[in-house]
Amino acid sequence: MRQLTKFSGSGRGLTLNFDATLLGERIFWDLATDTLTIKGMPPNLRDQLQRRTSGK
């Protein structure tokens, strides 16, 4: 049987995909609040967000 190596999902305008090894290491799930927290965001995503924020 193959091990799960990735988590992925999409809906309501959001698509996520990450290696299962990151859960509990860089990606944290809080079941009580249905929240994912990402530590150490990918640089290209951070750059896009910064450009969007500074453009307002």
PDB file of N, CA and C in Angstrom:
ATOM      1  N   MET A   1       0.835  -1.187   0.000  1.00  0.00           N
ATOM      2  CA  MET A   1       0.000   0.000   0.000  1.00  0.00           C
ATOM      3  C   MET A   1       0.880   1.251   0.000  1.00  0.00           C
ATOM      4  N   ARG A   2       0.520   2.218  -0.857  1.00  0.00           N
ATOM      5  CA  ARG A   2       1.304   3.447  -0.947  1.00  0.00           C
ATOM      6  C   ARG A   2       0.987   4.384   0.202  1.00  0.00           C
ATOM      7  N   GLN A   3       2.039   5.033   0.701  1.00  0.00           N
ATOM      8  CA  GLN A   3       1.862   6.022   1.763  1.00  0.00           C
ATOM      9  C   GLN A   3       1.357   7.335   1.176  1.00  0.00           C
ATOM     10  N   LEU A   4       0.564   8.057   1.947  1.00  0.00           N
ATOM     11  CA  LEU A   4       0.113   9.385   1.548  1.00  0.00           C
ATOM     12  C   LEU A   4       1.312  10.321   1.613  1.00  0.00           C
ATOM     13  N   THR A   5       1.656  10.972   0.507  1.00  0.00           N
ATOM     14  CA  THR A   5       2.804  11.866   0.496  1.00  0.00           C
ATOM     15  C   THR A   5       2.414  13.324   0.328  1.00  0.00           C
ATOM     16  N   LYS A   6       1.180  13.582  -0.098  1.00  0.00           N
ATOM     17  CA  LYS A   6       0.735  14.955  -0.289  1.00  0.00           C
ATOM     18  C   LYS A   6      -0.700  15.126   0.211  1.00  0.00           C
ATOM     19  N   PHE A   7      -0.967  16.339   0.664  1.00  0.00           N
ATOM     20  CA  PHE A   7      -2.333  16.749   0.944  1.00  0.00           C
ATOM     21  C   PHE A   7      -2.693  17.786  -0.099  1.00  0.00           C
ATOM     22  N   SER A   8      -3.896  17.727  -0.617  1.00  0.00           N
ATOM     23  CA  SER A   8      -4.333  18.746  -1.571  1.00  0.00           C
ATOM     24  C   SER A   8      -5.835  18.921  -1.459  1.00  0.00           C
ATOM     25  N   GLY A   9      -6.281  20.106  -1.797  1.00  0.00           N
ATOM     26  CA  GLY A   9      -7.705  20.379  -1.782  1.00  0.00           C
ATOM     27  C   GLY A   9      -7.989  21.729  -2.401  1.00  0.00           C
ATOM     28  N   SER A  10      -9.213  21.887  -2.856  1.00  0.00           N
ATOM     29  CA  SER A  10      -9.607  23.168  -3.430  1.00  0.00           C
ATOM     30  C   SER A  10     -11.085  23.405  -3.186  1.00  0.00           C
ATOM     31  N   GLY A  11     -11.433  24.677  -3.169  1.00  0.00           N
ATOM     32  CA  GLY A  11     -12.821  25.060  -2.986  1.00  0.00           C
ATOM     33  C   GLY A  11     -12.941  26.518  -2.634  1.00  0.00           C
ATOM     34  N   ARG A  12     -14.026  27.125  -3.059  1.00  0.00           N
ATOM     35  CA  ARG A  12     -14.340  28.533  -2.782  1.00  0.00           C
ATOM     36  C   ARG A  12     -13.159  29.461  -3.087  1.00  0.00           C
ATOM     37  N   GLY A  13     -12.489  29.232  -4.233  1.00  0.00           N
ATOM     38  CA  GLY A  13     -11.426  30.129  -4.680  1.00  0.00           C
ATOM     39  C   GLY A  13     -10.051  29.854  -4.097  1.00  0.00           C
ATOM     40  N   LEU A  14      -9.892  28.775  -3.365  1.00  0.00           N
ATOM     41  CA  LEU A  14      -8.622  28.461  -2.725  1.00  0.00           C
ATOM     42  C   LEU A  14      -8.163  27.072  -3.150  1.00  0.00           C
ATOM     43  N   THR A  15      -6.873  26.952  -3.483  1.00  0.00           N
ATOM     44  CA  THR A  15      -6.274  25.662  -3.798  1.00  0.00           C
ATOM     45  C   THR A  15      -5.017  25.502  -2.961  1.00  0.00           C
ATOM     46  N   LEU A  16      -4.900  24.373  -2.276  1.00  0.00           N
ATOM     47  CA  LEU A  16      -3.733  24.078  -1.441  1.00  0.00           C
ATOM     48  C   LEU A  16      -3.165  22.730  -1.838  1.00  0.00           C
ATOM     49  N   ASN A  17      -1.843  22.621  -1.734  1.00  0.00           N
ATOM     50  CA  ASN A  17      -1.145  21.392  -2.045  1.00  0.00           C
ATOM     51  C   ASN A  17       0.175  21.421  -1.280  1.00  0.00           C
ATOM     52  N   PHE A  18       0.415  20.427  -0.418  1.00  0.00           N
ATOM     53  CA  PHE A  18       1.678  20.399   0.323  1.00  0.00           C
ATOM     54  C   PHE A  18       2.051  18.968   0.692  1.00  0.00           C
ATOM     55  N   ASP A  19       3.343  18.755   0.898  1.00  0.00           N
ATOM     56  CA  ASP A  19       3.845  17.445   1.298  1.00  0.00           C
ATOM     57  C   ASP A  19       3.355  17.112   2.701  1.00  0.00           C
ATOM     58  N   ALA A  20       2.971  15.883   2.897  1.00  0.00           N
ATOM     59  CA  ALA A  20       2.453  15.432   4.190  1.00  0.00           C
ATOM     60  C   ALA A  20       3.491  15.609   5.307  1.00  0.00           C
ATOM     61  N   THR A  21       4.768  15.562   4.969  1.00  0.00           N
ATOM     62  CA  THR A  21       5.814  15.708   5.986  1.00  0.00           C
ATOM     63  C   THR A  21       5.831  17.099   6.609  1.00  0.00           C
ATOM     64  N   LEU A  22       5.214  18.088   5.946  1.00  0.00           N
ATOM     65  CA  LEU A  22       5.198  19.456   6.472  1.00  0.00           C
ATOM     66  C   LEU A  22       4.153  19.666   7.558  1.00  0.00           C
ATOM     67  N   LEU A  23       3.175  18.758   7.642  1.00  0.00           N
ATOM     68  CA  LEU A  23       2.134  18.889   8.652  1.00  0.00           C
ATOM     69  C   LEU A  23       2.749  18.692  10.042  1.00  0.00           C
ATOM     70  N   GLY A  24       2.590  19.698  10.879  1.00  0.00           N
ATOM     71  CA  GLY A  24       3.175  19.671  12.211  1.00  0.00           C
ATOM     72  C   GLY A  24       4.589  20.216  12.253  1.00  0.00           C
ATOM     73  N   GLU A  25       5.155  20.508  11.070  1.00  0.00           N
ATOM     74  CA  GLU A  25       6.509  21.041  10.987  1.00  0.00           C
ATOM     75  C   GLU A  25       6.488  22.504  10.514  1.00  0.00           C
ATOM     76  N   ARG A  26       5.869  22.734   9.374  1.00  0.00           N
ATOM     77  CA  ARG A  26       5.707  24.090   8.837  1.00  0.00           C
ATOM     78  C   ARG A  26       4.252  24.453   8.635  1.00  0.00           C
ATOM     79  N   ILE A  27       3.394  23.455   8.590  1.00  0.00           N
ATOM     80  CA  ILE A  27       1.960  23.677   8.420  1.00  0.00           C
ATOM     81  C   ILE A  27       1.245  23.070   9.618  1.00  0.00           C
ATOM     82  N   PHE A  28       0.437  23.888  10.270  1.00  0.00           N
ATOM     83  CA  PHE A  28      -0.220  23.470  11.504  1.00  0.00           C
ATOM     84  C   PHE A  28      -1.729  23.592  11.342  1.00  0.00           C
ATOM     85  N   TRP A  29      -2.435  22.547  11.740  1.00  0.00           N
ATOM     86  CA  TRP A  29      -3.887  22.509  11.633  1.00  0.00           C
ATOM     87  C   TRP A  29      -4.488  22.553  13.026  1.00  0.00           C
ATOM     88  N   ASP A  30      -5.391  23.509  13.236  1.00  0.00           N
ATOM     89  CA  ASP A  30      -6.133  23.620  14.486  1.00  0.00           C
ATOM     90  C   ASP A  30      -7.553  23.151  14.205  1.00  0.00           C
ATOM     91  N   LEU A  31      -7.862  21.950  14.630  1.00  0.00           N
ATOM     92  CA  LEU A  31      -9.169  21.353  14.393  1.00  0.00           C
ATOM     93  C   LEU A  31     -10.290  22.199  14.996  1.00  0.00           C
ATOM     94  N   ALA A  32     -10.063  22.744  16.191  1.00  0.00           N
ATOM     95  CA  ALA A  32     -11.104  23.496  16.891  1.00  0.00           C
ATOM     96  C   ALA A  32     -11.543  24.744  16.125  1.00  0.00           C
ATOM     97  N   THR A  33     -10.606  25.400  15.440  1.00  0.00           N
ATOM     98  CA  THR A  33     -10.938  26.631  14.717  1.00  0.00           C
ATOM     99  C   THR A  33     -10.958  26.437  13.206  1.00  0.00           C
ATOM    100  N   ASP A  34     -10.680  25.214  12.750  1.00  0.00           N
ATOM    101  CA  ASP A  34     -10.642  24.895  11.318  1.00  0.00           C
ATOM    102  C   ASP A  34      -9.687  25.840  10.590  1.00  0.00           C
ATOM    103  N   THR A  35      -8.463  25.976  11.154  1.00  0.00           N
ATOM    104  CA  THR A  35      -7.473  26.922  10.663  1.00  0.00           C
ATOM    105  C   THR A  35      -6.167  26.219  10.328  1.00  0.00           C
ATOM    106  N   LEU A  36      -5.571  26.605   9.193  1.00  0.00           N
ATOM    107  CA  LEU A  36      -4.221  26.178   8.840  1.00  0.00           C
ATOM    108  C   LEU A  36      -3.298  27.370   9.015  1.00  0.00           C
ATOM    109  N   THR A  37      -2.138  27.141   9.609  1.00  0.00           N
ATOM    110  CA  THR A  37      -1.124  28.176   9.747  1.00  0.00           C
ATOM    111  C   THR A  37       0.112  27.703   9.003  1.00  0.00           C
ATOM    112  N   ILE A  38       0.671  28.583   8.161  1.00  0.00           N
ATOM    113  CA  ILE A  38       1.857  28.261   7.380  1.00  0.00           C
ATOM    114  C   ILE A  38       3.033  29.044   7.949  1.00  0.00           C
ATOM    115  N   LYS A  39       4.082  28.346   8.330  1.00  0.00           N
ATOM    116  CA  LYS A  39       5.313  28.976   8.811  1.00  0.00           C
ATOM    117  C   LYS A  39       6.347  28.854   7.704  1.00  0.00           C
ATOM    118  N   GLY A  40       7.032  29.946   7.401  1.00  0.00           N
ATOM    119  CA  GLY A  40       8.038  29.905   6.347  1.00  0.00           C
ATOM    120  C   GLY A  40       7.402  29.866   4.970  1.00  0.00           C
ATOM    121  N   MET A  41       6.661  30.906   4.650  1.00  0.00           N
ATOM    122  CA  MET A  41       5.948  30.995   3.387  1.00  0.00           C
ATOM    123  C   MET A  41       6.919  30.958   2.206  1.00  0.00           C
ATOM    124  N   PRO A  42       6.520  30.348   1.097  1.00  0.00           N
ATOM    125  CA  PRO A  42       7.376  30.342  -0.097  1.00  0.00           C
ATOM    126  C   PRO A  42       7.676  31.776  -0.546  1.00  0.00           C
ATOM    127  N   PRO A  43       8.944  32.058  -0.894  1.00  0.00           N
ATOM    128  CA  PRO A  43       9.327  33.426  -1.258  1.00  0.00           C
ATOM    129  C   PRO A  43       8.506  34.019  -2.400  1.00  0.00           C
ATOM    130  N   ASN A  44       8.158  33.234  -3.406  1.00  0.00           N
ATOM    131  CA  ASN A  44       7.394  33.791  -4.527  1.00  0.00           C
ATOM    132  C   ASN A  44       5.983  34.207  -4.095  1.00  0.00           C
ATOM    133  N   LEU A  45       5.389  33.476  -3.176  1.00  0.00           N
ATOM    134  CA  LEU A  45       4.071  33.853  -2.665  1.00  0.00           C
ATOM    135  C   LEU A  45       4.169  35.106  -1.803  1.00  0.00           C
ATOM    136  N   ARG A  46       5.189  35.163  -0.956  1.00  0.00           N
ATOM    137  CA  ARG A  46       5.404  36.347  -0.119  1.00  0.00           C
ATOM    138  C   ARG A  46       5.588  37.594  -0.990  1.00  0.00           C
ATOM    139  N   ASP A  47       6.376  37.476  -2.071  1.00  0.00           N
ATOM    140  CA  ASP A  47       6.606  38.606  -2.972  1.00  0.00           C
ATOM    141  C   ASP A  47       5.305  39.082  -3.609  1.00  0.00           C
ATOM    142  N   GLN A  48       4.477  38.146  -4.049  1.00  0.00           N
ATOM    143  CA  GLN A  48       3.192  38.514  -4.658  1.00  0.00           C
ATOM    144  C   GLN A  48       2.307  39.265  -3.665  1.00  0.00           C
ATOM    145  N   LEU A  49       2.266  38.776  -2.430  1.00  0.00           N
ATOM    146  CA  LEU A  49       1.447  39.419  -1.403  1.00  0.00           C
ATOM    147  C   LEU A  49       1.978  40.808  -1.063  1.00  0.00           C
ATOM    148  N   GLN A  50       3.302  40.938  -0.986  1.00  0.00           N
ATOM    149  CA  GLN A  50       3.888  42.241  -0.686  1.00  0.00           C
ATOM    150  C   GLN A  50       3.612  43.247  -1.795  1.00  0.00           C
ATOM    151  N   ARG A  51       3.714  42.813  -3.053  1.00  0.00           N
ATOM    152  CA  ARG A  51       3.425  43.709  -4.180  1.00  0.00           C
ATOM    153  C   ARG A  51       1.970  44.152  -4.146  1.00  0.00           C
ATOM    154  N   ARG A  52       1.085  43.217  -3.841  1.00  0.00           N
ATOM    155  CA  ARG A  52      -0.357  43.532  -3.783  1.00  0.00           C
ATOM    156  C   ARG A  52      -0.648  44.529  -2.655  1.00  0.00           C
ATOM    157  N   THR A  53      -0.011  44.325  -1.504  1.00  0.00           N
ATOM    158  CA  THR A  53      -0.231  45.188  -0.345  1.00  0.00           C
ATOM    159  C   THR A  53       0.338  46.581  -0.573  1.00  0.00           C
ATOM    160  N   SER A  54       1.521  46.674  -1.162  1.00  0.00           N
ATOM    161  CA  SER A  54       2.149  47.979  -1.361  1.00  0.00           C
ATOM    162  C   SER A  54       1.501  48.750  -2.502  1.00  0.00           C
ATOM    163  N   GLY A  55       0.743  48.077  -3.348  1.00  0.00           N
ATOM    164  CA  GLY A  55       0.085  48.736  -4.468  1.00  0.00           C
ATOM    165  C   GLY A  55      -1.180  49.480  -4.091  1.00  0.00           C
ATOM    166  N   LYS A  56      -1.627  49.353  -2.860  1.00  0.00           N
ATOM    167  CA  LYS A  56      -2.882  49.995  -2.426  1.00  0.00           C
ATOM    168  C   LYS A  56      -2.617  51.352  -1.827  1.00  0.00           C
TER     169      LYS A  56
END
